[in-house]
Amino acid sequence: VQLVESGGGLVQPGGSLRLSCAASGFTFSRYHMSWYRQAPGKQRELVSGITSSGRSINYLNSVNGRFTISRDNAKNTVYLQMNSLKPEDTAVYYCNRDPLLSNWGQGTQVTVSS
């Protein structure tokens, strides 16, 4: 079972990034998937989740209207399109399923700074 996040980087405030999470080792299409983030010195927080079918989605209030989660069950991949990025979005971003896998991926660093 593996989760591999990618797509992070350094971006200026107001910029955009698209994160990807490739899953393997389980039947991806059967699971609710979520994106989490952890900023330095803070606890990991749930950013967004999407049901197995993709019909139901939820967002952290602070990212609602700026971030869009999606999934491609044929590619076993979940995405997070992040627009209008702010410095407070700086964090390591992770994906996981529900129920959580104990072995988190390495995450992908997102740094928003001028």
N, C-alpha and C. Protein backbone atom coordinates (compact mmCIF):
# COMPACT_ATOMS: atom_id res chain seq x y z
N VAL A 1 0.86 -1.19 0.00
CA VAL A 1 0.00 0.00 0.00
C VAL A 1 0.90 1.24 0.00
N GLN A 2 0.62 2.16 -0.92
CA GLN A 2 1.50 3.32 -1.04
C GLN A 2 0.73 4.54 -1.50
N LEU A 3 1.11 5.68 -0.95
CA LEU A 3 0.59 6.98 -1.37
C LEU A 3 1.78 7.86 -1.73
N VAL A 4 1.78 8.42 -2.93
CA VAL A 4 2.90 9.24 -3.38
C VAL A 4 2.36 10.59 -3.83
N GLU A 5 2.70 11.62 -3.05
CA GLU A 5 2.27 12.98 -3.35
C GLU A 5 3.33 13.69 -4.19
N SER A 6 2.87 14.58 -5.06
CA SER A 6 3.79 15.36 -5.89
C SER A 6 3.12 16.66 -6.30
N GLY A 7 3.92 17.56 -6.87
CA GLY A 7 3.38 18.79 -7.42
C GLY A 7 3.62 20.03 -6.59
N GLY A 8 4.20 19.88 -5.42
CA GLY A 8 4.46 21.05 -4.60
C GLY A 8 5.59 21.90 -5.15
N GLY A 9 5.83 23.02 -4.48
CA GLY A 9 6.90 23.90 -4.90
C GLY A 9 6.82 25.24 -4.22
N LEU A 10 7.63 26.15 -4.72
CA LEU A 10 7.65 27.53 -4.23
C LEU A 10 6.84 28.39 -5.19
N VAL A 11 5.90 29.14 -4.65
CA VAL A 11 5.04 29.97 -5.49
C VAL A 11 4.79 31.29 -4.78
N GLN A 12 4.60 32.34 -5.56
CA GLN A 12 4.32 33.65 -4.98
C GLN A 12 2.86 33.72 -4.54
N PRO A 13 2.56 34.59 -3.58
CA PRO A 13 1.16 34.78 -3.19
C PRO A 13 0.30 35.11 -4.40
N GLY A 14 -0.87 34.49 -4.44
CA GLY A 14 -1.76 34.64 -5.59
C GLY A 14 -1.55 33.61 -6.67
N GLY A 15 -0.50 32.83 -6.56
CA GLY A 15 -0.19 31.83 -7.57
C GLY A 15 -0.99 30.56 -7.39
N SER A 16 -0.69 29.58 -8.26
CA SER A 16 -1.43 28.32 -8.28
C SER A 16 -0.48 27.14 -8.32
N LEU A 17 -0.94 26.04 -7.78
CA LEU A 17 -0.25 24.76 -7.88
C LEU A 17 -1.30 23.65 -8.00
N ARG A 18 -0.92 22.56 -8.63
CA ARG A 18 -1.78 21.39 -8.69
C ARG A 18 -1.03 20.20 -8.09
N LEU A 19 -1.56 19.70 -7.00
CA LEU A 19 -0.97 18.55 -6.34
C LEU A 19 -1.60 17.27 -6.86
N SER A 20 -0.81 16.21 -6.89
CA SER A 20 -1.30 14.89 -7.27
C SER A 20 -0.93 13.89 -6.19
N CYS A 21 -1.76 12.88 -6.04
CA CYS A 21 -1.48 11.79 -5.11
C CYS A 21 -1.80 10.48 -5.82
N ALA A 22 -0.78 9.70 -6.08
CA ALA A 22 -0.94 8.40 -6.73
C ALA A 22 -1.02 7.32 -5.68
N ALA A 23 -2.09 6.55 -5.72
CA ALA A 23 -2.31 5.49 -4.73
C ALA A 23 -2.11 4.12 -5.36
N SER A 24 -1.64 3.19 -4.56
CA SER A 24 -1.48 1.82 -5.04
C SER A 24 -1.61 0.86 -3.86
N GLY A 25 -1.95 -0.38 -4.18
CA GLY A 25 -2.02 -1.41 -3.15
C GLY A 25 -3.39 -1.60 -2.52
N PHE A 26 -4.37 -0.83 -2.94
CA PHE A 26 -5.74 -1.00 -2.47
C PHE A 26 -6.68 -0.57 -3.58
N THR A 27 -7.95 -0.92 -3.43
CA THR A 27 -8.93 -0.60 -4.48
C THR A 27 -9.35 0.85 -4.31
N PHE A 28 -8.64 1.70 -4.99
CA PHE A 28 -8.77 3.16 -4.84
C PHE A 28 -10.22 3.62 -4.99
N SER A 29 -10.91 3.09 -5.97
CA SER A 29 -12.26 3.57 -6.30
C SER A 29 -13.28 3.31 -5.20
N ARG A 30 -12.93 2.52 -4.22
CA ARG A 30 -13.87 2.21 -3.14
C ARG A 30 -13.74 3.14 -1.94
N TYR A 31 -12.75 4.00 -1.96
CA TYR A 31 -12.43 4.78 -0.76
C TYR A 31 -12.61 6.28 -0.94
N HIS A 32 -13.14 6.88 0.12
CA HIS A 32 -13.11 8.32 0.29
C HIS A 32 -11.64 8.72 0.42
N MET A 33 -11.22 9.80 -0.25
CA MET A 33 -9.84 10.28 -0.19
C MET A 33 -9.82 11.72 0.31
N SER A 34 -8.75 12.07 0.98
CA SER A 34 -8.64 13.41 1.54
C SER A 34 -7.23 13.96 1.38
N TRP A 35 -7.14 15.28 1.39
CA TRP A 35 -5.87 15.98 1.48
C TRP A 35 -5.75 16.60 2.86
N TYR A 36 -4.56 16.49 3.43
CA TYR A 36 -4.24 17.08 4.73
C TYR A 36 -3.01 17.97 4.54
N ARG A 37 -2.77 18.83 5.53
CA ARG A 37 -1.54 19.61 5.50
C ARG A 37 -1.04 19.81 6.92
N GLN A 38 0.27 19.99 7.01
CA GLN A 38 0.89 20.24 8.30
C GLN A 38 1.92 21.35 8.15
N ALA A 39 1.64 22.46 8.81
CA ALA A 39 2.56 23.59 8.80
C ALA A 39 3.56 23.42 9.96
N PRO A 40 4.72 24.06 9.87
CA PRO A 40 5.71 23.93 10.94
C PRO A 40 5.14 24.31 12.29
N GLY A 41 5.31 23.44 13.28
CA GLY A 41 4.86 23.73 14.63
C GLY A 41 3.37 23.57 14.85
N LYS A 42 2.66 23.09 13.83
CA LYS A 42 1.21 22.94 13.96
C LYS A 42 0.80 21.49 13.74
N GLN A 43 -0.40 21.18 14.17
CA GLN A 43 -0.93 19.83 13.96
C GLN A 43 -1.40 19.67 12.52
N ARG A 44 -1.40 18.44 12.06
CA ARG A 44 -1.92 18.14 10.73
C ARG A 44 -3.41 18.45 10.71
N GLU A 45 -3.86 19.07 9.61
CA GLU A 45 -5.28 19.41 9.51
C GLU A 45 -5.85 18.90 8.19
N LEU A 46 -7.14 18.61 8.21
CA LEU A 46 -7.84 18.16 7.02
C LEU A 46 -8.14 19.35 6.14
N VAL A 47 -7.76 19.27 4.88
CA VAL A 47 -7.97 20.37 3.94
C VAL A 47 -9.21 20.13 3.08
N SER A 48 -9.34 18.92 2.58
CA SER A 48 -10.45 18.63 1.68
C SER A 48 -10.64 17.13 1.55
N GLY A 49 -11.88 16.71 1.32
CA GLY A 49 -12.17 15.29 1.13
C GLY A 49 -13.13 15.09 -0.02
N ILE A 50 -13.07 13.91 -0.62
CA ILE A 50 -13.93 13.59 -1.75
C ILE A 50 -14.36 12.13 -1.61
N THR A 51 -15.64 11.88 -1.82
CA THR A 51 -16.15 10.52 -1.70
C THR A 51 -15.66 9.65 -2.86
N SER A 52 -15.89 8.36 -2.72
CA SER A 52 -15.36 7.41 -3.71
C SER A 52 -15.88 7.71 -5.12
N SER A 53 -17.12 8.15 -5.21
CA SER A 53 -17.72 8.46 -6.51
C SER A 53 -17.36 9.85 -7.00
N GLY A 54 -16.89 10.68 -6.08
CA GLY A 54 -16.60 12.07 -6.42
C GLY A 54 -17.80 12.99 -6.31
N ARG A 55 -18.94 12.45 -5.89
CA ARG A 55 -20.17 13.25 -5.87
C ARG A 55 -20.24 14.19 -4.68
N SER A 56 -19.54 13.85 -3.60
CA SER A 56 -19.60 14.71 -2.42
C SER A 56 -18.21 15.16 -2.04
N ILE A 57 -18.08 16.45 -1.77
CA ILE A 57 -16.79 17.07 -1.51
C ILE A 57 -16.93 18.01 -0.33
N ASN A 58 -15.88 18.12 0.47
CA ASN A 58 -15.89 19.11 1.55
C ASN A 58 -14.54 19.80 1.61
N TYR A 59 -14.54 21.01 2.16
CA TYR A 59 -13.33 21.83 2.24
C TYR A 59 -13.20 22.49 3.61
N LEU A 60 -11.97 22.67 4.03
CA LEU A 60 -11.66 23.53 5.16
C LEU A 60 -12.14 24.93 4.82
N ASN A 61 -12.74 25.61 5.78
CA ASN A 61 -13.32 26.93 5.49
C ASN A 61 -12.30 27.87 4.84
N SER A 62 -11.07 27.84 5.31
CA SER A 62 -10.08 28.81 4.85
C SER A 62 -9.62 28.58 3.41
N VAL A 63 -9.94 27.42 2.84
CA VAL A 63 -9.54 27.15 1.46
C VAL A 63 -10.74 27.09 0.52
N ASN A 64 -11.93 27.10 1.06
CA ASN A 64 -13.14 27.00 0.26
C ASN A 64 -13.20 28.15 -0.75
N GLY A 65 -13.41 27.80 -2.01
CA GLY A 65 -13.45 28.81 -3.07
C GLY A 65 -12.11 29.03 -3.74
N ARG A 66 -11.05 28.51 -3.14
CA ARG A 66 -9.70 28.65 -3.73
C ARG A 66 -9.14 27.29 -4.16
N PHE A 67 -9.46 26.27 -3.44
CA PHE A 67 -8.94 24.92 -3.72
C PHE A 67 -10.06 24.06 -4.32
N THR A 68 -9.67 23.14 -5.20
CA THR A 68 -10.61 22.19 -5.79
C THR A 68 -10.01 20.80 -5.76
N ILE A 69 -10.74 19.89 -5.14
CA ILE A 69 -10.30 18.50 -5.10
C ILE A 69 -11.01 17.73 -6.21
N SER A 70 -10.30 16.76 -6.78
CA SER A 70 -10.90 15.91 -7.81
C SER A 70 -10.18 14.56 -7.78
N ARG A 71 -10.74 13.62 -8.49
CA ARG A 71 -10.11 12.30 -8.53
C ARG A 71 -10.33 11.65 -9.89
N ASP A 72 -9.42 10.76 -10.23
CA ASP A 72 -9.53 9.96 -11.45
C ASP A 72 -9.38 8.51 -11.02
N ASN A 73 -10.49 7.82 -10.90
CA ASN A 73 -10.43 6.44 -10.40
C ASN A 73 -9.73 5.50 -11.38
N ALA A 74 -9.72 5.85 -12.65
CA ALA A 74 -9.02 5.02 -13.64
C ALA A 74 -7.51 5.11 -13.46
N LYS A 75 -7.05 6.23 -12.91
CA LYS A 75 -5.61 6.44 -12.71
C LYS A 75 -5.19 6.30 -11.25
N ASN A 76 -6.15 5.95 -10.38
CA ASN A 76 -5.87 5.80 -8.94
C ASN A 76 -5.19 7.05 -8.38
N THR A 77 -5.70 8.20 -8.77
CA THR A 77 -5.06 9.47 -8.41
C THR A 77 -6.09 10.47 -7.92
N VAL A 78 -5.71 11.20 -6.88
CA VAL A 78 -6.53 12.32 -6.39
C VAL A 78 -5.70 13.59 -6.55
N TYR A 79 -6.38 14.67 -6.88
CA TYR A 79 -5.72 15.94 -7.17
C TYR A 79 -6.21 17.03 -6.22
N LEU A 80 -5.39 18.06 -6.09
CA LEU A 80 -5.80 19.26 -5.37
C LEU A 80 -5.30 20.46 -6.16
N GLN A 81 -6.23 21.14 -6.81
CA GLN A 81 -5.91 22.38 -7.52
C GLN A 81 -5.99 23.52 -6.52
N MET A 82 -4.90 24.23 -6.38
CA MET A 82 -4.83 25.30 -5.39
C MET A 82 -4.59 26.62 -6.11
N ASN A 83 -5.54 27.52 -6.02
CA ASN A 83 -5.45 28.84 -6.63
C ASN A 83 -5.43 29.92 -5.56
N SER A 84 -5.05 31.11 -5.96
CA SER A 84 -5.02 32.27 -5.03
C SER A 84 -4.31 31.90 -3.73
N LEU A 85 -3.16 31.30 -3.88
CA LEU A 85 -2.43 30.81 -2.70
C LEU A 85 -1.99 31.97 -1.81
N LYS A 86 -1.99 31.68 -0.50
CA LYS A 86 -1.62 32.66 0.51
C LYS A 86 -0.44 32.12 1.32
N PRO A 87 0.33 32.99 1.95
CA PRO A 87 1.45 32.51 2.78
C PRO A 87 1.01 31.50 3.84
N GLU A 88 -0.20 31.65 4.35
CA GLU A 88 -0.68 30.72 5.38
C GLU A 88 -1.03 29.34 4.84
N ASP A 89 -0.96 29.17 3.52
CA ASP A 89 -1.13 27.83 2.93
C ASP A 89 0.18 27.04 2.94
N THR A 90 1.26 27.68 3.33
CA THR A 90 2.55 27.00 3.38
C THR A 90 2.50 25.83 4.35
N ALA A 91 2.84 24.65 3.84
CA ALA A 91 2.77 23.43 4.65
C ALA A 91 3.26 22.25 3.80
N VAL A 92 3.42 21.12 4.46
CA VAL A 92 3.58 19.87 3.73
C VAL A 92 2.20 19.28 3.55
N TYR A 93 1.88 18.93 2.32
CA TYR A 93 0.55 18.42 1.99
C TYR A 93 0.63 16.90 1.79
N TYR A 94 -0.35 16.21 2.38
CA TYR A 94 -0.43 14.76 2.32
C TYR A 94 -1.81 14.33 1.85
N CYS A 95 -1.89 13.16 1.28
CA CYS A 95 -3.19 12.56 1.01
C CYS A 95 -3.32 11.28 1.85
N ASN A 96 -4.54 10.89 2.05
CA ASN A 96 -4.82 9.62 2.72
C ASN A 96 -6.24 9.22 2.42
N ARG A 97 -6.58 8.02 2.76
CA ARG A 97 -7.93 7.53 2.51
C ARG A 97 -8.71 7.51 3.81
N ASP A 98 -9.96 7.13 3.75
CA ASP A 98 -10.80 6.95 4.94
C ASP A 98 -11.33 5.52 4.90
N PRO A 99 -10.96 4.64 5.83
CA PRO A 99 -10.16 4.89 7.04
C PRO A 99 -8.70 5.13 6.71
N LEU A 100 -8.04 5.87 7.61
CA LEU A 100 -6.67 6.27 7.36
C LEU A 100 -5.72 5.08 7.25
N LEU A 101 -4.77 5.22 6.35
CA LEU A 101 -3.64 4.31 6.32
C LEU A 101 -2.62 4.80 7.33
N SER A 102 -2.02 3.88 8.06
CA SER A 102 -1.03 4.27 9.07
C SER A 102 0.26 4.76 8.42
N ASN A 103 0.56 4.23 7.24
CA ASN A 103 1.79 4.64 6.57
C ASN A 103 1.50 5.79 5.61
N TRP A 104 1.67 7.00 6.11
CA TRP A 104 1.48 8.18 5.29
C TRP A 104 2.59 8.27 4.25
N GLY A 105 2.30 8.96 3.17
CA GLY A 105 3.32 9.22 2.18
C GLY A 105 4.32 10.24 2.68
N GLN A 106 5.25 10.60 1.82
CA GLN A 106 6.29 11.56 2.21
C GLN A 106 5.78 12.99 2.18
N GLY A 107 4.65 13.20 1.54
CA GLY A 107 4.10 14.54 1.43
C GLY A 107 4.81 15.34 0.35
N THR A 108 4.25 16.51 0.06
CA THR A 108 4.86 17.43 -0.90
C THR A 108 4.83 18.83 -0.29
N GLN A 109 5.96 19.49 -0.33
CA GLN A 109 6.10 20.80 0.31
C GLN A 109 5.52 21.89 -0.58
N VAL A 110 4.67 22.70 0.00
CA VAL A 110 4.13 23.89 -0.66
C VAL A 110 4.60 25.10 0.14
N THR A 111 5.30 26.00 -0.53
CA THR A 111 5.78 27.21 0.10
C THR A 111 5.27 28.41 -0.68
N VAL A 112 4.52 29.26 0.01
CA VAL A 112 3.96 30.46 -0.63
C VAL A 112 4.68 31.67 -0.03
N SER A 113 5.47 32.30 -0.86
CA SER A 113 6.29 33.40 -0.36
C SER A 113 6.72 34.29 -1.52
N SER A 114 6.84 35.58 -1.21
CA SER A 114 7.34 36.51 -2.22
C SER A 114 8.85 36.66 -2.10
